[in-house]
PDB file of N, CA and C in Angstrom:
ATOM      1  N   MET A   1      20.440 -69.862 -64.507  1.00  0.00           N
ATOM      2  CA  MET A   1      19.137 -69.593 -65.074  1.00  0.00           C
ATOM      3  C   MET A   1      18.843 -70.585 -66.189  1.00  0.00           C
ATOM      4  N   LYS A   2      19.316 -71.768 -66.061  1.00  0.00           N
ATOM      5  CA  LYS A   2      19.107 -72.800 -67.061  1.00  0.00           C
ATOM      6  C   LYS A   2      17.636 -73.177 -67.117  1.00  0.00           C
ATOM      7  N   GLY A   3      17.122 -73.373 -68.347  1.00  0.00           N
ATOM      8  CA  GLY A   3      15.766 -73.826 -68.515  1.00  0.00           C
ATOM      9  C   GLY A   3      14.731 -72.726 -68.670  1.00  0.00           C
ATOM     10  N   PHE A   4      15.141 -71.495 -68.723  1.00  0.00           N
ATOM     11  CA  PHE A   4      14.196 -70.393 -68.885  1.00  0.00           C
ATOM     12  C   PHE A   4      13.955 -70.127 -70.364  1.00  0.00           C
ATOM     13  N   HIS A   5      12.717 -69.847 -70.712  1.00  0.00           N
ATOM     14  CA  HIS A   5      12.393 -69.313 -72.034  1.00  0.00           C
ATOM     15  C   HIS A   5      12.948 -67.892 -72.036  1.00  0.00           C
ATOM     16  N   PRO A   6      13.403 -67.389 -73.184  1.00  0.00           N
ATOM     17  CA  PRO A   6      13.970 -66.035 -73.194  1.00  0.00           C
ATOM     18  C   PRO A   6      13.054 -64.977 -72.571  1.00  0.00           C
ATOM     19  N   PHE A   7      11.768 -65.052 -72.850  1.00  0.00           N
ATOM     20  CA  PHE A   7      10.881 -64.050 -72.273  1.00  0.00           C
ATOM     21  C   PHE A   7      10.566 -64.358 -70.815  1.00  0.00           C
ATOM     22  N   GLY A   8      10.853 -65.586 -70.385  1.00  0.00           N
ATOM     23  CA  GLY A   8      10.792 -65.913 -68.961  1.00  0.00           C
ATOM     24  C   GLY A   8      11.871 -65.159 -68.195  1.00  0.00           C
ATOM     25  N   LEU A   9      13.000 -64.929 -68.857  1.00  0.00           N
ATOM     26  CA  LEU A   9      14.053 -64.118 -68.240  1.00  0.00           C
ATOM     27  C   LEU A   9      13.548 -62.706 -67.970  1.00  0.00           C
ATOM     28  N   LEU A  10      12.799 -62.152 -68.927  1.00  0.00           N
ATOM     29  CA  LEU A  10      12.253 -60.797 -68.713  1.00  0.00           C
ATOM     30  C   LEU A  10      11.262 -60.788 -67.562  1.00  0.00           C
ATOM     31  N   ALA A  11      10.446 -61.837 -67.465  1.00  0.00           N
ATOM     32  CA  ALA A  11       9.485 -61.923 -66.363  1.00  0.00           C
ATOM     33  C   ALA A  11      10.222 -61.999 -65.032  1.00  0.00           C
ATOM     34  N   GLU A  12      11.278 -62.796 -64.971  1.00  0.00           N
ATOM     35  CA  GLU A  12      12.080 -62.889 -63.750  1.00  0.00           C
ATOM     36  C   GLU A  12      12.692 -61.544 -63.402  1.00  0.00           C
ATOM     37  N   HIS A  13      13.194 -60.855 -64.402  1.00  0.00           N
ATOM     38  CA  HIS A  13      13.795 -59.539 -64.187  1.00  0.00           C
ATOM     39  C   HIS A  13      12.754 -58.559 -63.640  1.00  0.00           C
ATOM     40  N   ALA A  14      11.545 -58.603 -64.207  1.00  0.00           N
ATOM     41  CA  ALA A  14      10.483 -57.688 -63.775  1.00  0.00           C
ATOM     42  C   ALA A  14      10.064 -57.954 -62.337  1.00  0.00           C
ATOM     43  N   GLU A  15      10.102 -59.224 -61.928  1.00  0.00           N
ATOM     44  CA  GLU A  15       9.713 -59.570 -60.558  1.00  0.00           C
ATOM     45  C   GLU A  15      10.774 -59.155 -59.555  1.00  0.00           C
ATOM     46  N   GLY A  16      12.005 -59.041 -59.993  1.00  0.00           N
ATOM     47  CA  GLY A  16      13.098 -58.575 -59.144  1.00  0.00           C
ATOM     48  C   GLY A  16      13.473 -59.569 -58.055  1.00  0.00           C
ATOM     49  N   GLY A  17      14.215 -59.099 -57.086  1.00  0.00           N
ATOM     50  CA  GLY A  17      14.630 -59.940 -55.973  1.00  0.00           C
ATOM     51  C   GLY A  17      16.024 -60.495 -56.160  1.00  0.00           C
ATOM     52  N   GLU A  18      16.603 -60.987 -55.071  1.00  0.00           N
ATOM     53  CA  GLU A  18      17.936 -61.578 -55.118  1.00  0.00           C
ATOM     54  C   GLU A  18      17.897 -62.866 -55.923  1.00  0.00           C
ATOM     55  N   GLY A  19      18.988 -63.195 -56.562  1.00  0.00           N
ATOM     56  CA  GLY A  19      19.055 -64.398 -57.380  1.00  0.00           C
ATOM     57  C   GLY A  19      18.500 -64.197 -58.778  1.00  0.00           C
ATOM     58  N   ARG A  20      17.923 -63.057 -59.018  1.00  0.00           N
ATOM     59  CA  ARG A  20      17.359 -62.749 -60.337  1.00  0.00           C
ATOM     60  C   ARG A  20      18.037 -61.521 -60.936  1.00  0.00           C
ATOM     61  N   LYS A  21      19.094 -61.095 -60.330  1.00  0.00           N
ATOM     62  CA  LYS A  21      19.753 -59.866 -60.760  1.00  0.00           C
ATOM     63  C   LYS A  21      20.200 -59.904 -62.209  1.00  0.00           C
ATOM     64  N   ASP A  22      20.676 -61.059 -62.682  1.00  0.00           N
ATOM     65  CA  ASP A  22      21.245 -61.111 -64.022  1.00  0.00           C
ATOM     66  C   ASP A  22      20.247 -61.535 -65.094  1.00  0.00           C
ATOM     67  N   ALA A  23      18.972 -61.684 -64.767  1.00  0.00           N
ATOM     68  CA  ALA A  23      17.984 -62.130 -65.756  1.00  0.00           C
ATOM     69  C   ALA A  23      17.867 -61.137 -66.912  1.00  0.00           C
ATOM     70  N   GLY A  24      17.829 -59.859 -66.625  1.00  0.00           N
ATOM     71  CA  GLY A  24      17.734 -58.847 -67.676  1.00  0.00           C
ATOM     72  C   GLY A  24      18.970 -58.846 -68.562  1.00  0.00           C
ATOM     73  N   ALA A  25      20.139 -58.962 -67.944  1.00  0.00           N
ATOM     74  CA  ALA A  25      21.385 -58.994 -68.711  1.00  0.00           C
ATOM     75  C   ALA A  25      21.451 -60.244 -69.584  1.00  0.00           C
ATOM     76  N   ARG A  26      20.949 -61.359 -69.069  1.00  0.00           N
ATOM     77  CA  ARG A  26      20.956 -62.595 -69.856  1.00  0.00           C
ATOM     78  C   ARG A  26      20.001 -62.501 -71.044  1.00  0.00           C
ATOM     79  N   PHE A  27      18.868 -61.799 -70.861  1.00  0.00           N
ATOM     80  CA  PHE A  27      17.966 -61.610 -72.000  1.00  0.00           C
ATOM     81  C   PHE A  27      18.639 -60.761 -73.070  1.00  0.00           C
ATOM     82  N   ILE A  28      19.316 -59.707 -72.668  1.00  0.00           N
ATOM     83  CA  ILE A  28      20.020 -58.855 -73.628  1.00  0.00           C
ATOM     84  C   ILE A  28      21.084 -59.666 -74.353  1.00  0.00           C
ATOM     85  N   GLU A  29      21.797 -60.519 -73.626  1.00  0.00           N
ATOM     86  CA  GLU A  29      22.793 -61.385 -74.254  1.00  0.00           C
ATOM     87  C   GLU A  29      22.130 -62.295 -75.289  1.00  0.00           C
ATOM     88  N   TYR A  30      20.988 -62.889 -74.926  1.00  0.00           N
ATOM     89  CA  TYR A  30      20.242 -63.748 -75.858  1.00  0.00           C
ATOM     90  C   TYR A  30      19.830 -62.951 -77.094  1.00  0.00           C
ATOM     91  N   ALA A  31      19.234 -61.783 -76.895  1.00  0.00           N
ATOM     92  CA  ALA A  31      18.709 -60.986 -78.008  1.00  0.00           C
ATOM     93  C   ALA A  31      19.816 -60.569 -78.966  1.00  0.00           C
ATOM     94  N   THR A  32      20.943 -60.139 -78.438  1.00  0.00           N
ATOM     95  CA  THR A  32      22.026 -59.712 -79.317  1.00  0.00           C
ATOM     96  C   THR A  32      22.657 -60.903 -80.034  1.00  0.00           C
ATOM     97  N   THR A  33      22.684 -62.053 -79.386  1.00  0.00           N
ATOM     98  CA  THR A  33      23.227 -63.253 -80.022  1.00  0.00           C
ATOM     99  C   THR A  33      22.322 -63.735 -81.146  1.00  0.00           C
ATOM    100  N   MET A  34      21.020 -63.727 -80.915  1.00  0.00           N
ATOM    101  CA  MET A  34      20.069 -64.270 -81.883  1.00  0.00           C
ATOM    102  C   MET A  34      19.721 -63.303 -82.996  1.00  0.00           C
ATOM    103  N   ARG A  35      20.023 -62.037 -82.826  1.00  0.00           N
ATOM    104  CA  ARG A  35      19.629 -61.011 -83.792  1.00  0.00           C
ATOM    105  C   ARG A  35      20.041 -61.361 -85.218  1.00  0.00           C
ATOM    106  N   ASP A  36      21.243 -61.824 -85.404  1.00  0.00           N
ATOM    107  CA  ASP A  36      21.745 -62.069 -86.755  1.00  0.00           C
ATOM    108  C   ASP A  36      21.787 -63.539 -87.138  1.00  0.00           C
ATOM    109  N   LYS A  37      21.200 -64.392 -86.325  1.00  0.00           N
ATOM    110  CA  LYS A  37      21.207 -65.831 -86.632  1.00  0.00           C
ATOM    111  C   LYS A  37      20.238 -66.120 -87.763  1.00  0.00           C
ATOM    112  N   LYS A  38      20.595 -67.081 -88.573  1.00  0.00           N
ATOM    113  CA  LYS A  38      19.743 -67.486 -89.690  1.00  0.00           C
ATOM    114  C   LYS A  38      19.022 -68.787 -89.340  1.00  0.00           C
ATOM    115  N   CYS A  39      18.475 -68.846 -88.146  1.00  0.00           N
ATOM    116  CA  CYS A  39      17.788 -70.066 -87.738  1.00  0.00           C
ATOM    117  C   CYS A  39      16.294 -69.780 -87.537  1.00  0.00           C
ATOM    118  N   ARG A  40      15.534 -70.817 -87.618  1.00  0.00           N
ATOM    119  CA  ARG A  40      14.087 -70.714 -87.454  1.00  0.00           C
ATOM    120  C   ARG A  40      13.784 -70.501 -85.979  1.00  0.00           C
ATOM    121  N   GLN A  41      13.214 -69.365 -85.658  1.00  0.00           N
ATOM    122  CA  GLN A  41      12.952 -69.037 -84.263  1.00  0.00           C
ATOM    123  C   GLN A  41      11.477 -69.131 -83.909  1.00  0.00           C
ATOM    124  N   ILE A  42      10.615 -69.028 -84.906  1.00  0.00           N
ATOM    125  CA  ILE A  42       9.181 -69.120 -84.668  1.00  0.00           C
ATOM    126  C   ILE A  42       8.651 -70.241 -85.551  1.00  0.00           C
ATOM    127  N   PHE A  43       7.871 -71.109 -84.967  1.00  0.00           N
ATOM    128  CA  PHE A  43       7.351 -72.230 -85.731  1.00  0.00           C
ATOM    129  C   PHE A  43       6.014 -72.675 -85.148  1.00  0.00           C
ATOM    130  N   TRP A  44       5.275 -73.417 -85.949  1.00  0.00           N
ATOM    131  CA  TRP A  44       3.969 -73.927 -85.531  1.00  0.00           C
ATOM    132  C   TRP A  44       4.145 -75.100 -84.580  1.00  0.00           C
ATOM    133  N   SER A  45       3.374 -75.139 -83.508  1.00  0.00           N
ATOM    134  CA  SER A  45       3.349 -76.295 -82.619  1.00  0.00           C
ATOM    135  C   SER A  45       2.672 -77.448 -83.340  1.00  0.00           C
ATOM    136  N   HIS A  46       3.031 -78.670 -82.953  1.00  0.00           N
ATOM    137  CA  HIS A  46       2.452 -79.857 -83.571  1.00  0.00           C
ATOM    138  C   HIS A  46       0.924 -79.831 -83.413  1.00  0.00           C
ATOM    139  N   GLY A  47       0.211 -79.915 -84.524  1.00  0.00           N
ATOM    140  CA  GLY A  47      -1.245 -79.963 -84.514  1.00  0.00           C
ATOM    141  C   GLY A  47      -1.953 -78.621 -84.444  1.00  0.00           C
ATOM    142  N   LEU A  48      -1.218 -77.525 -84.313  1.00  0.00           N
ATOM    143  CA  LEU A  48      -1.863 -76.216 -84.169  1.00  0.00           C
ATOM    144  C   LEU A  48      -2.563 -75.774 -85.443  1.00  0.00           C
ATOM    145  N   LYS A  49      -1.951 -75.981 -86.606  1.00  0.00           N
ATOM    146  CA  LYS A  49      -2.590 -75.580 -87.858  1.00  0.00           C
ATOM    147  C   LYS A  49      -3.936 -76.279 -88.019  1.00  0.00           C
ATOM    148  N   LYS A  50      -3.989 -77.550 -87.670  1.00  0.00           N
ATOM    149  CA  LYS A  50      -5.241 -78.292 -87.778  1.00  0.00           C
ATOM    150  C   LYS A  50      -6.286 -77.728 -86.822  1.00  0.00           C
ATOM    151  N   ARG A  51      -5.865 -77.379 -85.615  1.00  0.00           N
ATOM    152  CA  ARG A  51      -6.799 -76.833 -84.611  1.00  0.00           C
ATOM    153  C   ARG A  51      -7.407 -75.509 -85.050  1.00  0.00           C
ATOM    154  N   VAL A  52      -6.647 -74.690 -85.785  1.00  0.00           N
ATOM    155  CA  VAL A  52      -7.152 -73.381 -86.202  1.00  0.00           C
ATOM    156  C   VAL A  52      -7.700 -73.395 -87.621  1.00  0.00           C
ATOM    157  N   GLY A  53      -7.747 -74.582 -88.230  1.00  0.00           N
ATOM    158  CA  GLY A  53      -8.378 -74.713 -89.538  1.00  0.00           C
ATOM    159  C   GLY A  53      -7.510 -74.340 -90.719  1.00  0.00           C
ATOM    160  N   LEU A  54      -6.207 -74.393 -90.576  1.00  0.00           N
ATOM    161  CA  LEU A  54      -5.307 -74.116 -91.689  1.00  0.00           C
ATOM    162  C   LEU A  54      -4.787 -75.425 -92.258  1.00  0.00           C
ATOM    163  N   GLU A  55      -4.646 -75.472 -93.556  1.00  0.00           N
ATOM    164  CA  GLU A  55      -4.104 -76.668 -94.181  1.00  0.00           C
ATOM    165  C   GLU A  55      -2.830 -76.335 -94.925  1.00  0.00           C
ATOM    166  N   GLU A  56      -1.917 -77.298 -94.962  1.00  0.00           N
ATOM    167  CA  GLU A  56      -0.665 -77.117 -95.701  1.00  0.00           C
ATOM    168  C   GLU A  56      -0.960 -77.119 -97.193  1.00  0.00           C
ATOM    169  N   LYS A  57      -0.379 -76.173 -97.899  1.00  0.00           N
ATOM    170  CA  LYS A  57      -0.518 -76.122 -99.348  1.00  0.00           C
ATOM    171  C   LYS A  57       0.850 -75.915 -99.961  1.00  0.00           C
ATOM    172  N   LYS A  58       1.046 -76.533-101.098  1.00  0.00           N
ATOM    173  CA  LYS A  58       2.293 -76.357-101.818  1.00  0.00           C
ATOM    174  C   LYS A  58       2.233 -75.057-102.608  1.00  0.00           C
ATOM    175  N   ASP A  59       3.394 -74.553-102.988  1.00  0.00           N
ATOM    176  CA  ASP A  59       3.473 -73.299-103.742  1.00  0.00           C
ATOM    177  C   ASP A  59       2.644 -73.352-105.023  1.00  0.00           C
ATOM    178  N   GLU A  60       2.664 -74.498-105.685  1.00  0.00           N
ATOM    179  CA  GLU A  60       1.920 -74.641-106.929  1.00  0.00           C
ATOM    180  C   GLU A  60       0.412 -74.501-106.687  1.00  0.00           C
ATOM    181  N   GLU A  61      -0.076 -75.075-105.597  1.00  0.00           N
ATOM    182  CA  GLU A  61      -1.502 -74.968-105.270  1.00  0.00           C
ATOM    183  C   GLU A  61      -1.886 -73.523-104.980  1.00  0.00           C
ATOM    184  N   LEU A  62      -1.038 -72.813-104.264  1.00  0.00           N
ATOM    185  CA  LEU A  62      -1.317 -71.413-103.955  1.00  0.00           C
ATOM    186  C   LEU A  62      -1.314 -70.555-105.213  1.00  0.00           C
ATOM    187  N   ALA A  63      -0.414 -70.845-106.139  1.00  0.00           N
ATOM    188  CA  ALA A  63      -0.346 -70.086-107.389  1.00  0.00           C
ATOM    189  C   ALA A  63      -1.604 -70.291-108.215  1.00  0.00           C
ATOM    190  N   GLU A  64      -2.142 -71.503-108.219  1.00  0.00           N
ATOM    191  CA  GLU A  64      -3.379 -71.792-108.969  1.00  0.00           C
ATOM    192  C   GLU A  64      -4.583 -71.104-108.345  1.00  0.00           C
ATOM    193  N   GLU A  65      -4.577 -70.922-107.034  1.00  0.00           N
ATOM    194  CA  GLU A  65      -5.700 -70.304-106.327  1.00  0.00           C
ATOM    195  C   GLU A  65      -5.757 -68.786-106.486  1.00  0.00           C
ATOM    196  N   GLN A  66      -4.680 -68.184-106.878  1.00  0.00           N
ATOM    197  CA  GLN A  66      -4.599 -66.730-106.913  1.00  0.00           C
ATOM    198  C   GLN A  66      -5.749 -66.127-107.690  1.00  0.00           C
ATOM    199  N   THR A  67      -6.492 -65.224-107.035  1.00  0.00           N
ATOM    200  CA  THR A  67      -7.680 -64.641-107.656  1.00  0.00           C
ATOM    201  C   THR A  67      -7.596 -63.120-107.782  1.00  0.00           C
ATOM    202  N   ASP A  68      -6.465 -62.534-107.430  1.00  0.00           N
ATOM    203  CA  ASP A  68      -6.315 -61.084-107.518  1.00  0.00           C
ATOM    204  C   ASP A  68      -6.384 -60.657-108.982  1.00  0.00           C
ATOM    205  N   LYS A  69      -7.112 -59.600-109.223  1.00  0.00           N
ATOM    206  CA  LYS A  69      -7.186 -59.041-110.575  1.00  0.00           C
ATOM    207  C   LYS A  69      -6.408 -57.754-110.612  1.00  0.00           C
ATOM    208  N   ALA A  70      -5.577 -57.596-111.590  1.00  0.00           N
ATOM    209  CA  ALA A  70      -4.764 -56.387-111.719  1.00  0.00           C
ATOM    210  C   ALA A  70      -5.176 -55.646-112.993  1.00  0.00           C
ATOM    211  N   ASP A  71      -5.099 -54.347-112.955  1.00  0.00           N
ATOM    212  CA  ASP A  71      -5.389 -53.512-114.122  1.00  0.00           C
ATOM    213  C   ASP A  71      -4.154 -53.353-114.969  1.00  0.00           C
TER     214      ASP A  71
END
């Protein structure tokens, strides 16, 4: 099952059939392995922030923009 996205394994499992028997088990293996990893698993695709109108800002810029008022 080389080359499958983890959720592609679930799709294969849902479709069933011979040759796909272990797709569900492989997803469970992936999920349990990745559960405690300290690696970046979700990230922005190249150019996506620009397409949706988001700009990169540094922490200092965000701190200056803060407009919340507290009592």
